[in-house]
Amino acid sequence: YPLTSDLIKKSGKEEALLNASRFELIHVHVKV
């Protein structure tokens, strides 16, 4: 989550989820 990684590191997953709008950009890295 490019818009959210800093918040997860700082505050943890549960607090980050309180602001779901920052999860609106998702990058799925796929290894084939």
Full PDB file with SEQRES, HELIX, SHEET, SSBOND, CRYST1, ORIGX, SCALE, CONECT and MASTER records, all heavy atoms in Angstrom:
SEQRES   1 A   32  TYR PRO LEU THR SER ASP LEU ILE LYS LYS SER GLY LYS          
SEQRES   2 A   32  GLU GLU ALA LEU LEU ASN ALA SER ARG PHE GLU LEU ILE          
SEQRES   3 A   32  HIS VAL HIS VAL LYS VAL                                      
HELIX    1 AA1 SER A    5  SER A   11  1                                   7    
HELIX    2 AA2 LYS A   13  ALA A   16  1                                   4    
HELIX    3 AA3 ALA A   20  PHE A   23  5                                   4    
CRYST1    1.000    1.000    1.000  90.00  90.00  90.00 P 1           1          
ORIGX1      1.000000  0.000000  0.000000        0.00000                         
ORIGX2      0.000000  1.000000  0.000000        0.00000                         
ORIGX3      0.000000  0.000000  1.000000        0.00000                         
SCALE1      1.000000  0.000000  0.000000        0.00000                         
SCALE2      0.000000  1.000000  0.000000        0.00000                         
SCALE3      0.000000  0.000000  1.000000        0.00000                         
ATOM      1  N   TYR A   1       0.851  -1.187   0.000  1.00  0.00           N  
ATOM      2  CA  TYR A   1       0.000   0.000   0.000  1.00  0.00           C  
ATOM      3  C   TYR A   1       0.891   1.243   0.000  1.00  0.00           C  
ATOM      4  O   TYR A   1       1.323   1.703   1.057  1.00  0.00           O  
ATOM      5  CB  TYR A   1      -0.923  -0.006   1.218  1.00  0.00           C  
ATOM      6  CG  TYR A   1      -1.841  -1.195   1.248  1.00  0.00           C  
ATOM      7  CD1 TYR A   1      -1.457  -2.382   1.864  1.00  0.00           C  
ATOM      8  CD2 TYR A   1      -3.084  -1.144   0.630  1.00  0.00           C  
ATOM      9  CE1 TYR A   1      -2.295  -3.485   1.866  1.00  0.00           C  
ATOM     10  CE2 TYR A   1      -3.926  -2.239   0.628  1.00  0.00           C  
ATOM     11  CZ  TYR A   1      -3.524  -3.409   1.252  1.00  0.00           C  
ATOM     12  OH  TYR A   1      -4.351  -4.512   1.253  1.00  0.00           O  
ATOM     13  N   PRO A   2       1.172   1.812  -1.167  1.00  0.00           N  
ATOM     14  CA  PRO A   2       2.128   2.933  -1.247  1.00  0.00           C  
ATOM     15  C   PRO A   2       1.734   4.152  -0.425  1.00  0.00           C  
ATOM     16  O   PRO A   2       2.606   4.896   0.028  1.00  0.00           O  
ATOM     17  CB  PRO A   2       2.138   3.273  -2.747  1.00  0.00           C  
ATOM     18  CG  PRO A   2       1.717   2.023  -3.431  1.00  0.00           C  
ATOM     19  CD  PRO A   2       0.729   1.382  -2.509  1.00  0.00           C  
ATOM     20  N   LEU A   3       0.433   4.377  -0.224  1.00  0.00           N  
ATOM     21  CA  LEU A   3       0.002   5.557   0.511  1.00  0.00           C  
ATOM     22  C   LEU A   3      -0.056   5.332   2.016  1.00  0.00           C  
ATOM     23  O   LEU A   3      -0.315   6.275   2.766  1.00  0.00           O  
ATOM     24  CB  LEU A   3      -1.398   5.993   0.030  1.00  0.00           C  
ATOM     25  CG  LEU A   3      -1.562   6.262  -1.461  1.00  0.00           C  
ATOM     26  CD1 LEU A   3      -3.003   6.659  -1.755  1.00  0.00           C  
ATOM     27  CD2 LEU A   3      -0.608   7.355  -1.913  1.00  0.00           C  
ATOM     28  N   THR A   4       0.202   4.102   2.452  1.00  0.00           N  
ATOM     29  CA  THR A   4      -0.100   3.725   3.828  1.00  0.00           C  
ATOM     30  C   THR A   4       1.071   3.102   4.567  1.00  0.00           C  
ATOM     31  O   THR A   4       1.025   2.960   5.782  1.00  0.00           O  
ATOM     32  CB  THR A   4      -1.287   2.729   3.840  1.00  0.00           C  
ATOM     33  OG1 THR A   4      -2.288   3.184   2.936  1.00  0.00           O  
ATOM     34  CG2 THR A   4      -1.909   2.602   5.211  1.00  0.00           C  
ATOM     35  N   SER A   5       2.120   2.693   3.868  1.00  0.00           N  
ATOM     36  CA  SER A   5       3.199   1.941   4.506  1.00  0.00           C  
ATOM     37  C   SER A   5       3.813   2.712   5.676  1.00  0.00           C  
ATOM     38  O   SER A   5       4.153   2.131   6.710  1.00  0.00           O  
ATOM     39  CB  SER A   5       4.273   1.587   3.485  1.00  0.00           C  
ATOM     40  OG  SER A   5       4.776   2.747   2.853  1.00  0.00           O  
ATOM     41  N   ASP A   6       3.938   4.036   5.541  1.00  0.00           N  
ATOM     42  CA  ASP A   6       4.519   4.827   6.626  1.00  0.00           C  
ATOM     43  C   ASP A   6       3.624   4.803   7.858  1.00  0.00           C  
ATOM     44  O   ASP A   6       4.103   4.720   8.997  1.00  0.00           O  
ATOM     45  CB  ASP A   6       4.759   6.263   6.164  1.00  0.00           C  
ATOM     46  CG  ASP A   6       3.473   6.966   5.720  1.00  0.00           C  
ATOM     47  OD1 ASP A   6       2.554   6.269   5.247  1.00  0.00           O  
ATOM     48  OD2 ASP A   6       3.404   8.200   5.861  1.00  0.00           O  
ATOM     49  N   LEU A   7       2.300   4.857   7.652  1.00  0.00           N  
ATOM     50  CA  LEU A   7       1.358   4.861   8.768  1.00  0.00           C  
ATOM     51  C   LEU A   7       1.349   3.511   9.478  1.00  0.00           C  
ATOM     52  O   LEU A   7       1.276   3.454  10.711  1.00  0.00           O  
ATOM     53  CB  LEU A   7      -0.038   5.212   8.264  1.00  0.00           C  
ATOM     54  CG  LEU A   7      -1.139   5.347   9.317  1.00  0.00           C  
ATOM     55  CD1 LEU A   7      -0.783   6.434  10.319  1.00  0.00           C  
ATOM     56  CD2 LEU A   7      -2.479   5.663   8.656  1.00  0.00           C  
ATOM     57  N   ILE A   8       1.430   2.411   8.719  1.00  0.00           N  
ATOM     58  CA  ILE A   8       1.464   1.078   9.324  1.00  0.00           C  
ATOM     59  C   ILE A   8       2.707   0.928  10.189  1.00  0.00           C  
ATOM     60  O   ILE A   8       2.650   0.418  11.313  1.00  0.00           O  
ATOM     61  CB  ILE A   8       1.412  -0.014   8.240  1.00  0.00           C  
ATOM     62  CG1 ILE A   8       0.056   0.017   7.518  1.00  0.00           C  
ATOM     63  CG2 ILE A   8       1.643  -1.397   8.848  1.00  0.00           C  
ATOM     64  CD1 ILE A   8      -0.037  -0.944   6.357  1.00  0.00           C  
ATOM     65  N   LYS A   9       3.848   1.375   9.665  1.00  0.00           N  
ATOM     66  CA  LYS A   9       5.099   1.272  10.432  1.00  0.00           C  
ATOM     67  C   LYS A   9       5.042   2.103  11.710  1.00  0.00           C  
ATOM     68  O   LYS A   9       5.537   1.694  12.756  1.00  0.00           O  
ATOM     69  CB  LYS A   9       6.271   1.718   9.568  1.00  0.00           C  
ATOM     70  CG  LYS A   9       6.603   0.774   8.423  1.00  0.00           C  
ATOM     71  CD  LYS A   9       7.715   1.335   7.551  1.00  0.00           C  
ATOM     72  CE  LYS A   9       7.998   0.420   6.375  1.00  0.00           C  
ATOM     73  NZ  LYS A   9       9.054   0.984   5.480  1.00  0.00           N  
ATOM     74  N   LYS A  10       4.418   3.274  11.619  1.00  0.00           N  
ATOM     75  CA  LYS A  10       4.394   4.194  12.757  1.00  0.00           C  
ATOM     76  C   LYS A  10       3.368   3.784  13.800  1.00  0.00           C  
ATOM     77  O   LYS A  10       3.646   3.803  15.009  1.00  0.00           O  
ATOM     78  CB  LYS A  10       4.106   5.611  12.270  1.00  0.00           C  
ATOM     79  CG  LYS A  10       4.047   6.641  13.385  1.00  0.00           C  
ATOM     80  CD  LYS A  10       3.754   8.023  12.825  1.00  0.00           C  
ATOM     81  CE  LYS A  10       3.655   9.069  13.935  1.00  0.00           C  
ATOM     82  NZ  LYS A  10       3.355  10.416  13.390  1.00  0.00           N  
ATOM     83  N   SER A  11       2.174   3.427  13.349  1.00  0.00           N  
ATOM     84  CA  SER A  11       1.053   3.253  14.271  1.00  0.00           C  
ATOM     85  C   SER A  11       0.532   1.832  14.395  1.00  0.00           C  
ATOM     86  O   SER A  11      -0.264   1.542  15.287  1.00  0.00           O  
ATOM     87  CB  SER A  11      -0.107   4.176  13.844  1.00  0.00           C  
ATOM     88  OG  SER A  11       0.328   5.515  13.734  1.00  0.00           O  
ATOM     89  N   GLY A  12       0.937   0.952  13.476  1.00  0.00           N  
ATOM     90  CA  GLY A  12       0.432  -0.413  13.501  1.00  0.00           C  
ATOM     91  C   GLY A  12      -0.776  -0.588  12.602  1.00  0.00           C  
ATOM     92  O   GLY A  12      -1.439   0.374  12.215  1.00  0.00           O  
ATOM     93  N   LYS A  13      -1.071  -1.840  12.283  1.00  0.00           N  
ATOM     94  CA  LYS A  13      -2.126  -2.157  11.321  1.00  0.00           C  
ATOM     95  C   LYS A  13      -3.500  -1.700  11.792  1.00  0.00           C  
ATOM     96  O   LYS A  13      -4.267  -1.115  11.029  1.00  0.00           O  
ATOM     97  CB  LYS A  13      -2.135  -3.663  11.062  1.00  0.00           C  
ATOM     98  CG  LYS A  13      -3.188  -4.106  10.069  1.00  0.00           C  
ATOM     99  CD  LYS A  13      -3.096  -5.593   9.802  1.00  0.00           C  
ATOM    100  CE  LYS A  13      -3.481  -6.413  11.012  1.00  0.00           C  
ATOM    101  NZ  LYS A  13      -3.557  -7.861  10.721  1.00  0.00           N  
ATOM    102  N   GLU A  14      -3.834  -1.945  13.057  1.00  0.00           N  
ATOM    103  CA  GLU A  14      -5.179  -1.658  13.535  1.00  0.00           C  
ATOM    104  C   GLU A  14      -5.496  -0.167  13.469  1.00  0.00           C  
ATOM    105  O   GLU A  14      -6.571   0.237  13.024  1.00  0.00           O  
ATOM    106  CB  GLU A  14      -5.354  -2.181  14.969  1.00  0.00           C  
ATOM    107  CG  GLU A  14      -5.283  -3.690  15.082  1.00  0.00           C  
ATOM    108  CD  GLU A  14      -6.329  -4.371  14.222  1.00  0.00           C  
ATOM    109  OE1 GLU A  14      -7.463  -3.855  14.139  1.00  0.00           O  
ATOM    110  OE2 GLU A  14      -6.021  -5.415  13.628  1.00  0.00           O  
ATOM    111  N   GLU A  15      -4.539   0.666  13.885  1.00  0.00           N  
ATOM    112  CA  GLU A  15      -4.782   2.109  13.839  1.00  0.00           C  
ATOM    113  C   GLU A  15      -4.819   2.602  12.393  1.00  0.00           C  
ATOM    114  O   GLU A  15      -5.610   3.487  12.053  1.00  0.00           O  
ATOM    115  CB  GLU A  15      -3.698   2.854  14.617  1.00  0.00           C  
ATOM    116  CG  GLU A  15      -3.966   4.346  14.708  1.00  0.00           C  
ATOM    117  CD  GLU A  15      -3.048   5.047  15.693  1.00  0.00           C  
ATOM    118  OE1 GLU A  15      -2.553   4.378  16.623  1.00  0.00           O  
ATOM    119  OE2 GLU A  15      -2.830   6.261  15.518  1.00  0.00           O  
ATOM    120  N   ALA A  16      -3.968   2.026  11.539  1.00  0.00           N  
ATOM    121  CA  ALA A  16      -3.964   2.426  10.131  1.00  0.00           C  
ATOM    122  C   ALA A  16      -5.311   2.156   9.482  1.00  0.00           C  
ATOM    123  O   ALA A  16      -5.785   2.938   8.647  1.00  0.00           O  
ATOM    124  CB  ALA A  16      -2.856   1.700   9.374  1.00  0.00           C  
ATOM    125  N   LEU A  17      -5.961   1.059   9.873  1.00  0.00           N  
ATOM    126  CA  LEU A  17      -7.239   0.695   9.275  1.00  0.00           C  
ATOM    127  C   LEU A  17      -8.362   1.663   9.632  1.00  0.00           C  
ATOM    128  O   LEU A  17      -9.419   1.649   9.011  1.00  0.00           O  
ATOM    129  CB  LEU A  17      -7.625  -0.728   9.683  1.00  0.00           C  
ATOM    130  CG  LEU A  17      -6.867  -1.846   8.965  1.00  0.00           C  
ATOM    131  CD1 LEU A  17      -7.177  -3.187   9.593  1.00  0.00           C  
ATOM    132  CD2 LEU A  17      -7.201  -1.856   7.486  1.00  0.00           C  
ATOM    133  N   LEU A  18      -8.141   2.510  10.636  1.00  0.00           N  
ATOM    134  CA  LEU A  18      -9.140   3.514  10.979  1.00  0.00           C  
ATOM    135  C   LEU A  18      -9.284   4.558   9.870  1.00  0.00           C  
ATOM    136  O   LEU A  18     -10.290   5.255   9.795  1.00  0.00           O  
ATOM    137  CB  LEU A  18      -8.771   4.198  12.300  1.00  0.00           C  
ATOM    138  CG  LEU A  18      -8.759   3.293  13.536  1.00  0.00           C  
ATOM    139  CD1 LEU A  18      -8.273   4.069  14.749  1.00  0.00           C  
ATOM    140  CD2 LEU A  18     -10.147   2.706  13.788  1.00  0.00           C  
ATOM    141  N   ASN A  19      -8.263   4.651   9.014  1.00  0.00           N  
ATOM    142  CA  ASN A  19      -8.312   5.578   7.879  1.00  0.00           C  
ATOM    143  C   ASN A  19      -8.219   4.762   6.593  1.00  0.00           C  
ATOM    144  O   ASN A  19      -7.194   4.736   5.929  1.00  0.00           O  
ATOM    145  CB  ASN A  19      -7.164   6.586   7.979  1.00  0.00           C  
ATOM    146  CG  ASN A  19      -7.240   7.653   6.896  1.00  0.00           C  
ATOM    147  OD1 ASN A  19      -8.180   7.682   6.097  1.00  0.00           O  
ATOM    148  ND2 ASN A  19      -6.250   8.519   6.860  1.00  0.00           N  
ATOM    149  N   ALA A  20      -9.311   4.080   6.243  1.00  0.00           N  
ATOM    150  CA  ALA A  20      -9.299   3.152   5.111  1.00  0.00           C  
ATOM    151  C   ALA A  20      -9.060   3.854   3.784  1.00  0.00           C  
ATOM    152  O   ALA A  20      -8.638   3.215   2.813  1.00  0.00           O  
ATOM    153  CB  ALA A  20     -10.605   2.360   5.061  1.00  0.00           C  
ATOM    154  N   SER A  21      -9.305   5.179   3.722  1.00  0.00           N  
ATOM    155  CA  SER A  21      -9.101   5.879   2.458  1.00  0.00           C  
ATOM    156  C   SER A  21      -7.645   5.823   2.008  1.00  0.00           C  
ATOM    157  O   SER A  21      -7.359   5.927   0.815  1.00  0.00           O  
ATOM    158  CB  SER A  21      -9.557   7.334   2.582  1.00  0.00           C  
ATOM    159  OG  SER A  21      -8.769   8.044   3.520  1.00  0.00           O  
ATOM    160  N   ARG A  22      -6.725   5.621   2.934  1.00  0.00           N  
ATOM    161  CA  ARG A  22      -5.314   5.557   2.563  1.00  0.00           C  
ATOM    162  C   ARG A  22      -4.938   4.189   1.992  1.00  0.00           C  
ATOM    163  O   ARG A  22      -3.793   3.982   1.608  1.00  0.00           O  
ATOM    164  CB  ARG A  22      -4.432   5.897   3.762  1.00  0.00           C  
ATOM    165  CG  ARG A  22      -4.558   7.348   4.191  1.00  0.00           C  
ATOM    166  CD  ARG A  22      -3.527   7.733   5.218  1.00  0.00           C  
ATOM    167  NE  ARG A  22      -2.170   7.642   4.698  1.00  0.00           N  
ATOM    168  CZ  ARG A  22      -1.084   7.893   5.416  1.00  0.00           C  
ATOM    169  NH1 ARG A  22      -1.196   8.247   6.683  1.00  0.00           N  
ATOM    170  NH2 ARG A  22       0.115   7.781   4.894  1.00  0.00           N  
ATOM    171  N   PHE A  23      -5.895   3.271   1.944  1.00  0.00           N  
ATOM    172  CA  PHE A  23      -5.663   1.959   1.343  1.00  0.00           C  
ATOM    173  C   PHE A  23      -6.238   1.887  -0.066  1.00  0.00           C  
ATOM    174  O   PHE A  23      -6.369   0.806  -0.627  1.00  0.00           O  
ATOM    175  CB  PHE A  23      -6.281   0.862   2.208  1.00  0.00           C  
ATOM    176  CG  PHE A  23      -5.564   0.632   3.510  1.00  0.00           C  
ATOM    177  CD1 PHE A  23      -5.820   1.427   4.614  1.00  0.00           C  
ATOM    178  CD2 PHE A  23      -4.613  -0.366   3.625  1.00  0.00           C  
ATOM    179  CE1 PHE A  23      -5.166   1.225   5.809  1.00  0.00           C  
ATOM    180  CE2 PHE A  23      -3.954  -0.586   4.818  1.00  0.00           C  
ATOM    181  CZ  PHE A  23      -4.218   0.219   5.919  1.00  0.00           C  
ATOM    182  N   GLU A  24      -6.580   3.027  -0.636  1.00  0.00           N  
ATOM    183  CA  GLU A  24      -7.249   3.025  -1.942  1.00  0.00           C  
ATOM    184  C   GLU A  24      -6.302   2.786  -3.108  1.00  0.00           C  
ATOM    185  O   GLU A  24      -6.759   2.580  -4.232  1.00  0.00           O  
ATOM    186  CB  GLU A  24      -8.002   4.349  -2.137  1.00  0.00           C  
ATOM    187  CG  GLU A  24      -9.209   4.477  -1.217  1.00  0.00           C  
ATOM    188  CD  GLU A  24      -9.960   5.776  -1.430  1.00  0.00           C  
ATOM    189  OE1 GLU A  24      -9.636   6.498  -2.400  1.00  0.00           O  
ATOM    190  OE2 GLU A  24     -10.868   6.073  -0.628  1.00  0.00           O  
ATOM    191  N   LEU A  25      -4.997   2.814  -2.875  1.00  0.00           N  
ATOM    192  CA  LEU A  25      -4.023   2.472  -3.910  1.00  0.00           C  
ATOM    193  C   LEU A  25      -3.314   1.197  -3.477  1.00  0.00           C  
ATOM    194  O   LEU A  25      -2.652   1.154  -2.434  1.00  0.00           O  
ATOM    195  CB  LEU A  25      -3.013   3.602  -4.110  1.00  0.00           C  
ATOM    196  CG  LEU A  25      -1.963   3.353  -5.200  1.00  0.00           C  
ATOM    197  CD1 LEU A  25      -2.623   3.239  -6.578  1.00  0.00           C  
ATOM    198  CD2 LEU A  25      -0.910   4.450  -5.200  1.00  0.00           C  
ATOM    199  N   ILE A  26      -3.458   0.149  -4.295  1.00  0.00           N  
ATOM    200  CA  ILE A  26      -2.951  -1.180  -3.960  1.00  0.00           C  
ATOM    201  C   ILE A  26      -1.991  -1.636  -5.052  1.00  0.00           C  
ATOM    202  O   ILE A  26      -2.332  -1.584  -6.239  1.00  0.00           O  
ATOM    203  CB  ILE A  26      -4.118  -2.191  -3.840  1.00  0.00           C  
ATOM    204  CG1 ILE A  26      -5.158  -1.701  -2.831  1.00  0.00           C  
ATOM    205  CG2 ILE A  26      -3.600  -3.576  -3.478  1.00  0.00           C  
ATOM    206  CD1 ILE A  26      -6.514  -2.368  -2.975  1.00  0.00           C  
ATOM    207  N   HIS A  27      -0.815  -2.071  -4.666  1.00  0.00           N  
ATOM    208  CA  HIS A  27       0.127  -2.672  -5.602  1.00  0.00           C  
ATOM    209  C   HIS A  27       0.303  -4.148  -5.244  1.00  0.00           C  
ATOM    210  O   HIS A  27       0.699  -4.474  -4.132  1.00  0.00           O  
ATOM    211  CB  HIS A  27       1.487  -1.960  -5.547  1.00  0.00           C  
ATOM    212  CG  HIS A  27       1.476  -0.628  -6.209  1.00  0.00           C  
ATOM    213  ND1 HIS A  27       2.558   0.228  -6.181  1.00  0.00           N  
ATOM    214  CD2 HIS A  27       0.508   0.009  -6.922  1.00  0.00           C  
ATOM    215  CE1 HIS A  27       2.263   1.333  -6.850  1.00  0.00           C  
ATOM    216  NE2 HIS A  27       1.031   1.218  -7.311  1.00  0.00           N  
ATOM    217  N   VAL A  28      -0.024  -4.998  -6.185  1.00  0.00           N  
ATOM    218  CA  VAL A  28       0.142  -6.441  -6.007  1.00  0.00           C  
ATOM    219  C   VAL A  28       1.408  -6.864  -6.751  1.00  0.00           C  
ATOM    220  O   VAL A  28       1.457  -6.795  -7.983  1.00  0.00           O  
ATOM    221  CB  VAL A  28      -1.083  -7.218  -6.530  1.00  0.00           C  
ATOM    222  CG1 VAL A  28      -0.922  -8.712  -6.246  1.00  0.00           C  
ATOM    223  CG2 VAL A  28      -2.365  -6.683  -5.904  1.00  0.00           C  
ATOM    224  N   HIS A  29       2.423  -7.260  -6.001  1.00  0.00           N  
ATOM    225  CA  HIS A  29       3.675  -7.726  -6.593  1.00  0.00           C  
ATOM    226  C   HIS A  29       3.546  -9.232  -6.820  1.00  0.00           C  
ATOM    227  O   HIS A  29       3.320  -9.991  -5.874  1.00  0.00           O  
ATOM    228  CB  HIS A  29       4.851  -7.436  -5.667  1.00  0.00           C  
ATOM    229  CG  HIS A  29       5.091  -5.973  -5.453  1.00  0.00           C  
ATOM    230  ND1 HIS A  29       6.079  -5.283  -6.123  1.00  0.00           N  
ATOM    231  CD2 HIS A  29       4.464  -5.065  -4.660  1.00  0.00           C  
ATOM    232  CE1 HIS A  29       6.066  -4.015  -5.746  1.00  0.00           C  
ATOM    233  NE2 HIS A  29       5.092  -3.859  -4.860  1.00  0.00           N  
ATOM    234  N   VAL A  30       3.686  -9.647  -8.045  1.00  0.00           N  
ATOM    235  CA  VAL A  30       3.412 -11.028  -8.436  1.00  0.00           C  
ATOM    236  C   VAL A  30       4.679 -11.680  -8.988  1.00  0.00           C  
ATOM    237  O   VAL A  30       5.278 -11.176  -9.939  1.00  0.00           O  
ATOM    238  CB  VAL A  30       2.305 -11.094  -9.518  1.00  0.00           C  
ATOM    239  CG1 VAL A  30       1.901 -12.538  -9.768  1.00  0.00           C  
ATOM    240  CG2 VAL A  30       1.109 -10.251  -9.116  1.00  0.00           C  
ATOM    241  N   LYS A  31       5.081 -12.789  -8.392  1.00  0.00           N  
ATOM    242  CA  LYS A  31       6.202 -13.578  -8.908  1.00  0.00           C  
ATOM    243  C   LYS A  31       5.621 -14.820  -9.596  1.00  0.00           C  
ATOM    244  O   LYS A  31       4.924 -15.622  -8.978  1.00  0.00           O  
ATOM    245  CB  LYS A  31       7.130 -13.997  -7.770  1.00  0.00           C  
ATOM    246  CG  LYS A  31       8.258 -14.944  -8.164  1.00  0.00           C  
ATOM    247  CD  LYS A  31       9.268 -14.272  -9.093  1.00  0.00           C  
ATOM    248  CE  LYS A  31      10.427 -15.209  -9.407  1.00  0.00           C  
ATOM    249  NZ  LYS A  31      11.274 -15.485  -8.221  1.00  0.00           N  
ATOM    250  N   VAL A  32       5.884 -14.954 -10.892  1.00  0.00           N  
ATOM    251  CA  VAL A  32       5.318 -16.061 -11.671  1.00  0.00           C  
ATOM    252  C   VAL A  32       6.253 -17.264 -11.575  1.00  0.00           C  
ATOM    253  O   VAL A  32       7.461 -17.143 -11.793  1.00  0.00           O  
ATOM    254  CB  VAL A  32       5.109 -15.648 -13.140  1.00  0.00           C  
ATOM    255  CG1 VAL A  32       4.430 -16.766 -13.911  1.00  0.00           C  
ATOM    256  CG2 VAL A  32       4.274 -14.372 -13.218  1.00  0.00           C  
TER     257      VAL A  32                                                      
MASTER        0    0    0    3    0    0    0    6  256    1    0    3          
END                                                                             
